[in-house]
Amino acid sequence: MKESINSSEIDKTFFNELKKDKGTEKVLLCFNCNGCSTGCPMKDIEPDFDIKRYMRMAGLGLKNRILNDQYLWYCTTCYKCQERCPEGVLNVDTLLRLRTMAVHEGIMLEPHKDVANFVVTTGHAVPINDSNKAKRKELGLTEVPPTVHMYPEAYEQVKKLVKACQFDTLVAKK
């Protein structure tokens, strides 16, 4: 996919903001060998997802384009791309930093907001309903996993953590 860049899209402060996380500055080392994209299992499922594209856009300072791109959230964080990179570009770590930046700008896909808000309200990302309890029992597991669902005092700790880092505010539906 060929894309043109308008100079007005370039945020000259973006790269400095991005590289606050150690290793993310390595995006500038990418020489487009395509090793990361070729081995990406998500690219097989969603051809428009291209990890290399994000590294290139990050190096160019295309903040708004990256943070508003729905495919930013498609990476499964398998780390295959990062392990294959001959230059040691921290693709996944950089992508996670970009996602964090997006969340701080109020940008998240709705399904991610739903899961995040479920964590805020229940302390866990997976609902423990009758259907899930039955499936667990079929597998020979306890109906309730050893998570905050089993230990209510742990949920109190999760609530404190959520408040302390303002996660609830970051993921609140607006």
N, C-alpha and C. Protein backbone atom coordinates (compact mmCIF):
# COMPACT_ATOMS: atom_id res chain seq x y z
N MET A 1 0.84 -1.16 0.00
CA MET A 1 0.00 0.00 0.00
C MET A 1 0.89 1.24 0.00
N LYS A 2 0.72 2.08 -1.01
CA LYS A 2 1.50 3.32 -1.08
C LYS A 2 0.70 4.44 -0.44
N GLU A 3 1.38 5.18 0.40
CA GLU A 3 0.72 6.28 1.09
C GLU A 3 1.55 7.55 0.92
N SER A 4 0.86 8.64 0.70
CA SER A 4 1.58 9.91 0.65
C SER A 4 1.50 10.56 2.03
N ILE A 5 2.47 11.41 2.28
CA ILE A 5 2.55 12.09 3.57
C ILE A 5 2.52 13.59 3.32
N ASN A 6 1.65 14.26 4.03
CA ASN A 6 1.59 15.70 3.99
C ASN A 6 2.43 16.22 5.15
N SER A 7 3.27 17.18 4.90
CA SER A 7 4.16 17.68 5.96
C SER A 7 3.39 18.20 7.18
N SER A 8 2.15 18.60 6.99
CA SER A 8 1.35 19.09 8.13
C SER A 8 0.99 17.95 9.10
N GLU A 9 1.13 16.70 8.64
CA GLU A 9 0.84 15.54 9.50
C GLU A 9 1.99 15.22 10.45
N ILE A 10 3.16 15.75 10.19
CA ILE A 10 4.34 15.39 10.97
C ILE A 10 4.35 16.15 12.29
N ASP A 11 4.39 15.39 13.37
CA ASP A 11 4.48 15.96 14.72
C ASP A 11 5.94 15.81 15.15
N LYS A 12 6.64 16.92 15.18
CA LYS A 12 8.08 16.88 15.46
C LYS A 12 8.41 16.48 16.89
N THR A 13 7.45 16.54 17.78
CA THR A 13 7.69 16.16 19.18
C THR A 13 7.34 14.70 19.45
N PHE A 14 6.65 14.07 18.51
CA PHE A 14 6.14 12.72 18.72
C PHE A 14 7.23 11.69 19.00
N PHE A 15 8.28 11.70 18.20
CA PHE A 15 9.33 10.70 18.38
C PHE A 15 9.99 10.84 19.75
N ASN A 16 10.20 12.08 20.19
CA ASN A 16 10.78 12.29 21.53
C ASN A 16 9.87 11.76 22.62
N GLU A 17 8.57 11.91 22.42
CA GLU A 17 7.60 11.38 23.38
C GLU A 17 7.62 9.84 23.36
N LEU A 18 7.69 9.29 22.17
CA LEU A 18 7.71 7.83 22.01
C LEU A 18 8.94 7.21 22.64
N LYS A 19 10.08 7.82 22.44
CA LYS A 19 11.34 7.19 22.89
C LYS A 19 11.60 7.31 24.38
N LYS A 20 10.61 7.79 25.13
CA LYS A 20 10.73 7.81 26.59
C LYS A 20 10.84 6.38 27.13
N ASP A 21 10.26 5.43 26.40
CA ASP A 21 10.39 4.02 26.78
C ASP A 21 11.67 3.48 26.14
N LYS A 22 12.53 2.93 26.96
CA LYS A 22 13.82 2.42 26.49
C LYS A 22 13.64 1.43 25.34
N GLY A 23 14.39 1.65 24.30
CA GLY A 23 14.39 0.75 23.15
C GLY A 23 13.50 1.17 22.01
N THR A 24 12.51 2.03 22.28
CA THR A 24 11.59 2.41 21.21
C THR A 24 12.27 3.27 20.14
N GLU A 25 13.39 3.89 20.50
CA GLU A 25 14.12 4.70 19.51
C GLU A 25 14.70 3.84 18.39
N LYS A 26 14.73 2.53 18.60
CA LYS A 26 15.29 1.62 17.59
C LYS A 26 14.46 1.56 16.31
N VAL A 27 13.25 2.13 16.32
CA VAL A 27 12.45 2.11 15.10
C VAL A 27 13.22 2.76 13.95
N LEU A 28 14.12 3.66 14.27
CA LEU A 28 14.91 4.34 13.23
C LEU A 28 15.91 3.40 12.56
N LEU A 29 16.16 2.25 13.16
CA LEU A 29 17.11 1.28 12.59
C LEU A 29 16.48 0.41 11.51
N CYS A 30 15.17 0.44 11.40
CA CYS A 30 14.47 -0.41 10.43
C CYS A 30 14.89 -0.04 9.01
N PHE A 31 15.34 -1.04 8.26
CA PHE A 31 15.71 -0.79 6.86
C PHE A 31 14.76 -1.51 5.90
N ASN A 32 13.56 -1.84 6.38
CA ASN A 32 12.50 -2.42 5.56
C ASN A 32 12.85 -3.76 4.94
N CYS A 33 13.49 -4.63 5.71
CA CYS A 33 13.82 -5.96 5.19
C CYS A 33 12.57 -6.82 5.05
N ASN A 34 11.51 -6.46 5.75
CA ASN A 34 10.22 -7.14 5.70
C ASN A 34 10.15 -8.42 6.52
N GLY A 35 11.20 -8.73 7.28
CA GLY A 35 11.20 -9.93 8.11
C GLY A 35 10.07 -9.93 9.12
N CYS A 36 9.78 -8.77 9.68
CA CYS A 36 8.72 -8.67 10.70
C CYS A 36 7.35 -8.94 10.09
N SER A 37 7.09 -8.36 8.93
CA SER A 37 5.78 -8.50 8.30
C SER A 37 5.58 -9.88 7.71
N THR A 38 6.64 -10.45 7.16
CA THR A 38 6.54 -11.76 6.52
C THR A 38 6.17 -12.84 7.52
N GLY A 39 6.67 -12.77 8.73
CA GLY A 39 6.39 -13.80 9.72
C GLY A 39 5.20 -13.52 10.61
N CYS A 40 4.49 -12.44 10.35
CA CYS A 40 3.40 -12.03 11.24
C CYS A 40 2.14 -12.87 11.02
N PRO A 41 1.69 -13.59 12.05
CA PRO A 41 0.47 -14.39 11.89
C PRO A 41 -0.78 -13.53 11.69
N MET A 42 -0.79 -12.32 12.22
CA MET A 42 -1.95 -11.45 12.05
C MET A 42 -2.06 -10.97 10.60
N LYS A 43 -0.93 -10.79 9.95
CA LYS A 43 -0.94 -10.34 8.55
C LYS A 43 -1.62 -11.38 7.66
N ASP A 44 -1.52 -12.67 8.04
CA ASP A 44 -2.20 -13.72 7.28
C ASP A 44 -3.71 -13.60 7.42
N ILE A 45 -4.16 -13.13 8.57
CA ILE A 45 -5.59 -13.00 8.84
C ILE A 45 -6.12 -11.66 8.35
N GLU A 46 -5.34 -10.62 8.58
CA GLU A 46 -5.73 -9.26 8.21
C GLU A 46 -4.62 -8.63 7.39
N PRO A 47 -4.70 -8.75 6.05
CA PRO A 47 -3.62 -8.25 5.18
C PRO A 47 -3.29 -6.77 5.35
N ASP A 48 -4.23 -5.97 5.83
CA ASP A 48 -3.96 -4.54 6.01
C ASP A 48 -3.14 -4.24 7.25
N PHE A 49 -2.94 -5.24 8.12
CA PHE A 49 -2.10 -5.03 9.29
C PHE A 49 -0.65 -5.21 8.87
N ASP A 50 0.19 -4.23 9.19
CA ASP A 50 1.61 -4.30 8.83
C ASP A 50 2.44 -3.62 9.91
N ILE A 51 3.06 -4.41 10.75
CA ILE A 51 3.85 -3.89 11.89
C ILE A 51 4.95 -2.93 11.40
N LYS A 52 5.54 -3.26 10.28
CA LYS A 52 6.62 -2.43 9.73
C LYS A 52 6.11 -1.01 9.43
N ARG A 53 4.88 -0.92 8.99
CA ARG A 53 4.27 0.38 8.67
C ARG A 53 4.23 1.28 9.91
N TYR A 54 3.93 0.70 11.06
CA TYR A 54 3.88 1.49 12.30
C TYR A 54 5.26 1.97 12.70
N MET A 55 6.26 1.14 12.50
CA MET A 55 7.61 1.55 12.85
C MET A 55 8.05 2.72 11.96
N ARG A 56 7.71 2.61 10.68
CA ARG A 56 8.07 3.67 9.74
C ARG A 56 7.33 4.97 10.08
N MET A 57 6.03 4.86 10.34
CA MET A 57 5.25 6.06 10.68
C MET A 57 5.72 6.68 11.99
N ALA A 58 6.12 5.84 12.95
CA ALA A 58 6.62 6.37 14.23
C ALA A 58 7.89 7.18 14.00
N GLY A 59 8.79 6.65 13.20
CA GLY A 59 10.03 7.34 12.90
C GLY A 59 9.81 8.66 12.16
N LEU A 60 8.72 8.72 11.40
CA LEU A 60 8.41 9.93 10.64
C LEU A 60 7.60 10.95 11.46
N GLY A 61 7.12 10.55 12.63
CA GLY A 61 6.35 11.47 13.47
C GLY A 61 4.89 11.59 13.10
N LEU A 62 4.32 10.54 12.53
CA LEU A 62 2.92 10.58 12.10
C LEU A 62 1.98 10.15 13.23
N LYS A 63 2.02 10.89 14.29
CA LYS A 63 1.28 10.57 15.52
C LYS A 63 -0.21 10.33 15.28
N ASN A 64 -0.90 11.29 14.73
CA ASN A 64 -2.35 11.16 14.56
C ASN A 64 -2.72 10.00 13.66
N ARG A 65 -1.94 9.78 12.63
CA ARG A 65 -2.23 8.68 11.72
C ARG A 65 -2.10 7.34 12.44
N ILE A 66 -1.06 7.20 13.25
CA ILE A 66 -0.84 5.94 13.98
C ILE A 66 -1.91 5.75 15.05
N LEU A 67 -2.07 6.72 15.92
CA LEU A 67 -2.94 6.55 17.07
C LEU A 67 -4.40 6.35 16.70
N ASN A 68 -4.80 6.83 15.53
CA ASN A 68 -6.19 6.68 15.09
C ASN A 68 -6.40 5.51 14.14
N ASP A 69 -5.37 4.74 13.90
CA ASP A 69 -5.48 3.59 12.99
C ASP A 69 -6.02 2.38 13.75
N GLN A 70 -7.14 1.83 13.29
CA GLN A 70 -7.76 0.69 13.99
C GLN A 70 -6.83 -0.52 14.05
N TYR A 71 -5.96 -0.68 13.07
CA TYR A 71 -5.09 -1.86 13.03
C TYR A 71 -4.01 -1.83 14.11
N LEU A 72 -3.81 -0.69 14.74
CA LEU A 72 -2.86 -0.60 15.85
C LEU A 72 -3.21 -1.62 16.93
N TRP A 73 -4.48 -1.94 17.03
CA TRP A 73 -4.98 -2.84 18.09
C TRP A 73 -5.02 -4.30 17.65
N TYR A 74 -4.63 -4.61 16.42
CA TYR A 74 -4.77 -5.97 15.90
C TYR A 74 -3.60 -6.88 16.27
N CYS A 75 -2.48 -6.33 16.65
CA CYS A 75 -1.30 -7.13 16.99
C CYS A 75 -1.62 -8.04 18.18
N THR A 76 -1.25 -9.31 18.06
CA THR A 76 -1.51 -10.28 19.14
C THR A 76 -0.36 -10.34 20.14
N THR A 77 0.67 -9.57 19.92
CA THR A 77 1.87 -9.52 20.77
C THR A 77 2.53 -10.89 20.91
N CYS A 78 2.66 -11.59 19.79
CA CYS A 78 3.32 -12.90 19.80
C CYS A 78 4.85 -12.75 19.83
N TYR A 79 5.34 -11.57 19.51
CA TYR A 79 6.76 -11.21 19.52
C TYR A 79 7.57 -11.86 18.39
N LYS A 80 6.91 -12.51 17.46
CA LYS A 80 7.63 -13.14 16.35
C LYS A 80 8.41 -12.10 15.55
N CYS A 81 7.79 -10.96 15.29
CA CYS A 81 8.45 -9.91 14.51
C CYS A 81 9.69 -9.39 15.22
N GLN A 82 9.56 -9.21 16.50
CA GLN A 82 10.66 -8.67 17.30
C GLN A 82 11.83 -9.66 17.34
N GLU A 83 11.51 -10.94 17.42
CA GLU A 83 12.55 -11.96 17.46
C GLU A 83 13.27 -12.10 16.12
N ARG A 84 12.58 -11.77 15.03
CA ARG A 84 13.15 -11.93 13.69
C ARG A 84 13.93 -10.72 13.20
N CYS A 85 13.80 -9.60 13.86
CA CYS A 85 14.40 -8.37 13.35
C CYS A 85 15.92 -8.40 13.45
N PRO A 86 16.62 -8.27 12.30
CA PRO A 86 18.08 -8.30 12.32
C PRO A 86 18.70 -7.06 12.99
N GLU A 87 17.92 -6.00 13.12
CA GLU A 87 18.42 -4.76 13.73
C GLU A 87 18.02 -4.63 15.20
N GLY A 88 17.25 -5.59 15.70
CA GLY A 88 16.83 -5.53 17.09
C GLY A 88 15.78 -4.48 17.38
N VAL A 89 15.00 -4.12 16.34
CA VAL A 89 13.92 -3.16 16.55
C VAL A 89 12.89 -3.81 17.47
N LEU A 90 12.50 -3.08 18.49
CA LEU A 90 11.54 -3.61 19.47
C LEU A 90 10.12 -3.30 19.00
N ASN A 91 9.72 -4.02 17.94
CA ASN A 91 8.43 -3.76 17.29
C ASN A 91 7.26 -3.83 18.25
N VAL A 92 7.15 -4.94 18.97
CA VAL A 92 6.00 -5.13 19.86
C VAL A 92 6.05 -4.14 21.02
N ASP A 93 7.21 -3.96 21.60
CA ASP A 93 7.34 -3.01 22.71
C ASP A 93 6.95 -1.60 22.25
N THR A 94 7.37 -1.24 21.05
CA THR A 94 7.02 0.07 20.50
C THR A 94 5.52 0.15 20.25
N LEU A 95 4.96 -0.91 19.69
CA LEU A 95 3.52 -0.93 19.44
C LEU A 95 2.73 -0.80 20.74
N LEU A 96 3.19 -1.46 21.79
CA LEU A 96 2.51 -1.34 23.09
C LEU A 96 2.61 0.08 23.62
N ARG A 97 3.74 0.73 23.40
CA ARG A 97 3.90 2.13 23.80
C ARG A 97 2.93 3.01 23.01
N LEU A 98 2.79 2.73 21.71
CA LEU A 98 1.87 3.49 20.87
C LEU A 98 0.43 3.31 21.35
N ARG A 99 0.08 2.09 21.72
CA ARG A 99 -1.27 1.84 22.25
C ARG A 99 -1.49 2.62 23.55
N THR A 100 -0.48 2.63 24.41
CA THR A 100 -0.59 3.37 25.67
C THR A 100 -0.81 4.85 25.38
N MET A 101 -0.07 5.36 24.40
CA MET A 101 -0.22 6.76 24.03
C MET A 101 -1.64 7.01 23.51
N ALA A 102 -2.16 6.08 22.72
CA ALA A 102 -3.52 6.21 22.18
C ALA A 102 -4.54 6.25 23.32
N VAL A 103 -4.40 5.35 24.27
CA VAL A 103 -5.33 5.31 25.41
C VAL A 103 -5.29 6.63 26.17
N HIS A 104 -4.11 7.17 26.36
CA HIS A 104 -3.99 8.45 27.07
C HIS A 104 -4.59 9.61 26.27
N GLU A 105 -4.77 9.39 24.98
CA GLU A 105 -5.43 10.41 24.13
C GLU A 105 -6.93 10.12 24.02
N GLY A 106 -7.40 9.07 24.70
CA GLY A 106 -8.82 8.71 24.66
C GLY A 106 -9.20 7.87 23.46
N ILE A 107 -8.21 7.23 22.83
CA ILE A 107 -8.46 6.45 21.62
C ILE A 107 -8.32 4.95 21.93
N MET A 108 -9.41 4.22 21.82
CA MET A 108 -9.43 2.76 21.99
C MET A 108 -10.57 2.20 21.15
N LEU A 109 -10.41 0.98 20.67
CA LEU A 109 -11.52 0.32 20.00
C LEU A 109 -12.57 -0.02 21.05
N GLU A 110 -13.83 0.01 20.66
CA GLU A 110 -14.92 -0.25 21.60
C GLU A 110 -14.81 -1.61 22.30
N PRO A 111 -14.46 -2.70 21.59
CA PRO A 111 -14.33 -3.98 22.30
C PRO A 111 -13.26 -3.94 23.40
N HIS A 112 -12.18 -3.20 23.17
CA HIS A 112 -11.15 -3.07 24.20
C HIS A 112 -11.66 -2.27 25.39
N LYS A 113 -12.44 -1.22 25.10
CA LYS A 113 -13.04 -0.44 26.18
C LYS A 113 -13.97 -1.32 27.01
N ASP A 114 -14.74 -2.18 26.32
CA ASP A 114 -15.67 -3.06 27.02
C ASP A 114 -14.92 -3.98 27.98
N VAL A 115 -13.85 -4.61 27.50
CA VAL A 115 -13.06 -5.51 28.35
C VAL A 115 -12.44 -4.72 29.51
N ALA A 116 -11.87 -3.57 29.20
CA ALA A 116 -11.23 -2.76 30.23
C ALA A 116 -12.23 -2.35 31.30
N ASN A 117 -13.42 -1.97 30.88
CA ASN A 117 -14.45 -1.58 31.85
C ASN A 117 -14.96 -2.77 32.65
N PHE A 118 -14.93 -3.95 32.04
CA PHE A 118 -15.30 -5.16 32.78
C PHE A 118 -14.26 -5.42 33.88
N VAL A 119 -13.00 -5.18 33.56
CA VAL A 119 -11.94 -5.32 34.58
C VAL A 119 -12.19 -4.32 35.71
N VAL A 120 -12.54 -3.10 35.35
CA VAL A 120 -12.79 -2.06 36.36
C VAL A 120 -13.95 -2.46 37.28
N THR A 121 -15.02 -3.01 36.68
CA THR A 121 -16.22 -3.31 37.48
C THR A 121 -16.18 -4.67 38.18
N THR A 122 -15.39 -5.62 37.66
CA THR A 122 -15.39 -6.97 38.25
C THR A 122 -14.01 -7.43 38.72
N GLY A 123 -12.97 -6.74 38.26
CA GLY A 123 -11.62 -7.15 38.63
C GLY A 123 -11.04 -8.23 37.73
N HIS A 124 -11.77 -8.58 36.67
CA HIS A 124 -11.34 -9.67 35.80
C HIS A 124 -11.81 -9.39 34.38
N ALA A 125 -11.08 -9.88 33.38
CA ALA A 125 -11.43 -9.63 31.99
C ALA A 125 -12.44 -10.64 31.43
N VAL A 126 -12.56 -11.80 32.07
CA VAL A 126 -13.44 -12.86 31.57
C VAL A 126 -14.61 -13.04 32.53
N PRO A 127 -15.83 -12.97 32.00
CA PRO A 127 -16.98 -13.13 32.90
C PRO A 127 -17.09 -14.56 33.43
N ILE A 128 -17.49 -14.66 34.67
CA ILE A 128 -17.75 -15.98 35.25
C ILE A 128 -19.27 -16.09 35.38
N ASN A 129 -19.87 -16.55 34.29
CA ASN A 129 -21.31 -16.73 34.27
C ASN A 129 -21.61 -18.24 34.28
N ASP A 130 -22.88 -18.59 34.25
CA ASP A 130 -23.26 -20.01 34.32
C ASP A 130 -22.67 -20.82 33.16
N SER A 131 -22.65 -20.22 31.98
CA SER A 131 -22.10 -20.91 30.81
C SER A 131 -20.61 -21.22 31.01
N ASN A 132 -19.85 -20.24 31.45
CA ASN A 132 -18.41 -20.45 31.67
C ASN A 132 -18.15 -21.42 32.82
N LYS A 133 -18.98 -21.35 33.85
CA LYS A 133 -18.84 -22.29 34.97
C LYS A 133 -19.05 -23.73 34.49
N ALA A 134 -20.07 -23.92 33.65
CA ALA A 134 -20.37 -25.26 33.12
C ALA A 134 -19.21 -25.77 32.26
N LYS A 135 -18.66 -24.91 31.43
CA LYS A 135 -17.53 -25.30 30.57
C LYS A 135 -16.32 -25.68 31.42
N ARG A 136 -16.07 -24.93 32.46
CA ARG A 136 -14.95 -25.23 33.35
C ARG A 136 -15.16 -26.58 34.03
N LYS A 137 -16.39 -26.82 34.47
CA LYS A 137 -16.71 -28.08 35.16
C LYS A 137 -16.50 -29.27 34.21
N GLU A 138 -16.95 -29.11 32.95
CA GLU A 138 -16.76 -30.15 31.92
C GLU A 138 -15.29 -30.50 31.74
N LEU A 139 -14.45 -29.52 31.87
CA LEU A 139 -13.00 -29.72 31.70
C LEU A 139 -12.33 -30.24 32.97
N GLY A 140 -13.12 -30.45 34.00
CA GLY A 140 -12.56 -30.95 35.25
C GLY A 140 -11.93 -29.86 36.11
N LEU A 141 -12.28 -28.63 35.82
CA LEU A 141 -11.75 -27.50 36.59
C LEU A 141 -12.78 -27.07 37.64
N THR A 142 -12.33 -26.29 38.58
CA THR A 142 -13.28 -25.71 39.52
C THR A 142 -14.16 -24.73 38.75
N GLU A 143 -15.40 -24.59 39.19
CA GLU A 143 -16.32 -23.69 38.48
C GLU A 143 -15.81 -22.26 38.48
N VAL A 144 -15.18 -21.88 39.55
CA VAL A 144 -14.65 -20.52 39.68
C VAL A 144 -13.12 -20.61 39.69
N PRO A 145 -12.46 -19.91 38.76
CA PRO A 145 -11.00 -19.97 38.71
C PRO A 145 -10.37 -19.25 39.91
N PRO A 146 -9.12 -19.56 40.20
CA PRO A 146 -8.45 -18.92 41.34
C PRO A 146 -8.01 -17.49 41.01
N THR A 147 -9.01 -16.66 40.76
CA THR A 147 -8.78 -15.25 40.43
C THR A 147 -9.54 -14.41 41.45
N VAL A 148 -9.75 -13.15 41.13
CA VAL A 148 -10.49 -12.29 42.05
C VAL A 148 -11.91 -12.80 42.30
N HIS A 149 -12.42 -13.64 41.39
CA HIS A 149 -13.75 -14.21 41.60
C HIS A 149 -13.77 -15.15 42.81
N MET A 150 -12.66 -15.80 43.05
CA MET A 150 -12.56 -16.72 44.17
C MET A 150 -12.12 -16.00 45.46
N TYR A 151 -11.41 -14.90 45.29
CA TYR A 151 -10.86 -14.18 46.43
C TYR A 151 -11.35 -12.73 46.44
N PRO A 152 -12.49 -12.49 47.06
CA PRO A 152 -13.06 -11.13 47.06
C PRO A 152 -12.11 -10.06 47.60
N GLU A 153 -11.24 -10.43 48.54
CA GLU A 153 -10.29 -9.44 49.07
C GLU A 153 -9.30 -8.99 47.98
N ALA A 154 -9.06 -9.87 47.02
CA ALA A 154 -8.17 -9.51 45.90
C ALA A 154 -8.83 -8.45 45.02
N TYR A 155 -10.14 -8.54 44.88
CA TYR A 155 -10.85 -7.53 44.09
C TYR A 155 -10.70 -6.15 44.72
N GLU A 156 -10.69 -6.09 46.02
CA GLU A 156 -10.49 -4.81 46.71
C GLU A 156 -9.12 -4.24 46.35
N GLN A 157 -8.12 -5.10 46.25
CA GLN A 157 -6.78 -4.66 45.85
C GLN A 157 -6.76 -4.19 44.40
N VAL A 158 -7.49 -4.91 43.53
CA VAL A 158 -7.58 -4.51 42.12
C VAL A 158 -8.24 -3.14 42.03
N LYS A 159 -9.30 -2.92 42.79
CA LYS A 159 -9.98 -1.62 42.76
C LYS A 159 -9.04 -0.49 43.19
N LYS A 160 -8.24 -0.75 44.21
CA LYS A 160 -7.27 0.26 44.66
C LYS A 160 -6.25 0.57 43.56
N LEU A 161 -5.77 -0.48 42.92
CA LEU A 161 -4.79 -0.32 41.84
C LEU A 161 -5.39 0.45 40.67
N VAL A 162 -6.61 0.08 40.29
CA VAL A 162 -7.31 0.75 39.19
C VAL A 162 -7.45 2.25 39.47
N LYS A 163 -7.80 2.58 40.69
CA LYS A 163 -7.93 4.00 41.08
C LYS A 163 -6.57 4.69 41.13
N ALA A 164 -5.59 4.01 41.71
CA ALA A 164 -4.26 4.62 41.87
C ALA A 164 -3.63 4.99 40.54
N CYS A 165 -3.81 4.16 39.53
CA CYS A 165 -3.20 4.46 38.22
C CYS A 165 -4.20 5.13 37.28
N GLN A 166 -5.38 5.45 37.79
CA GLN A 166 -6.43 6.14 37.03
C GLN A 166 -6.87 5.37 35.79
N PHE A 167 -6.76 4.06 35.85
CA PHE A 167 -7.18 3.21 34.74
C PHE A 167 -8.67 3.39 34.47
N ASP A 168 -9.46 3.51 35.52
CA ASP A 168 -10.90 3.68 35.36
C ASP A 168 -11.22 4.95 34.57
N THR A 169 -10.49 6.01 34.82
CA THR A 169 -10.69 7.27 34.10
C THR A 169 -10.25 7.15 32.65
N LEU A 170 -9.13 6.48 32.43
CA LEU A 170 -8.60 6.32 31.07
C LEU A 170 -9.55 5.56 30.16
N VAL A 171 -10.21 4.54 30.69
CA VAL A 171 -11.03 3.66 29.85
C VAL A 171 -12.52 3.96 29.94
N ALA A 172 -12.88 4.99 30.69
CA ALA A 172 -14.30 5.32 30.86
C ALA A 172 -14.94 5.62 29.51
N LYS A 173 -16.13 5.11 29.34
CA LYS A 173 -16.88 5.38 28.10
C LYS A 173 -17.41 6.80 28.16
N LYS A 174 -17.22 7.50 27.06
CA LYS A 174 -17.66 8.91 27.02
C LYS A 174 -18.80 9.08 26.07
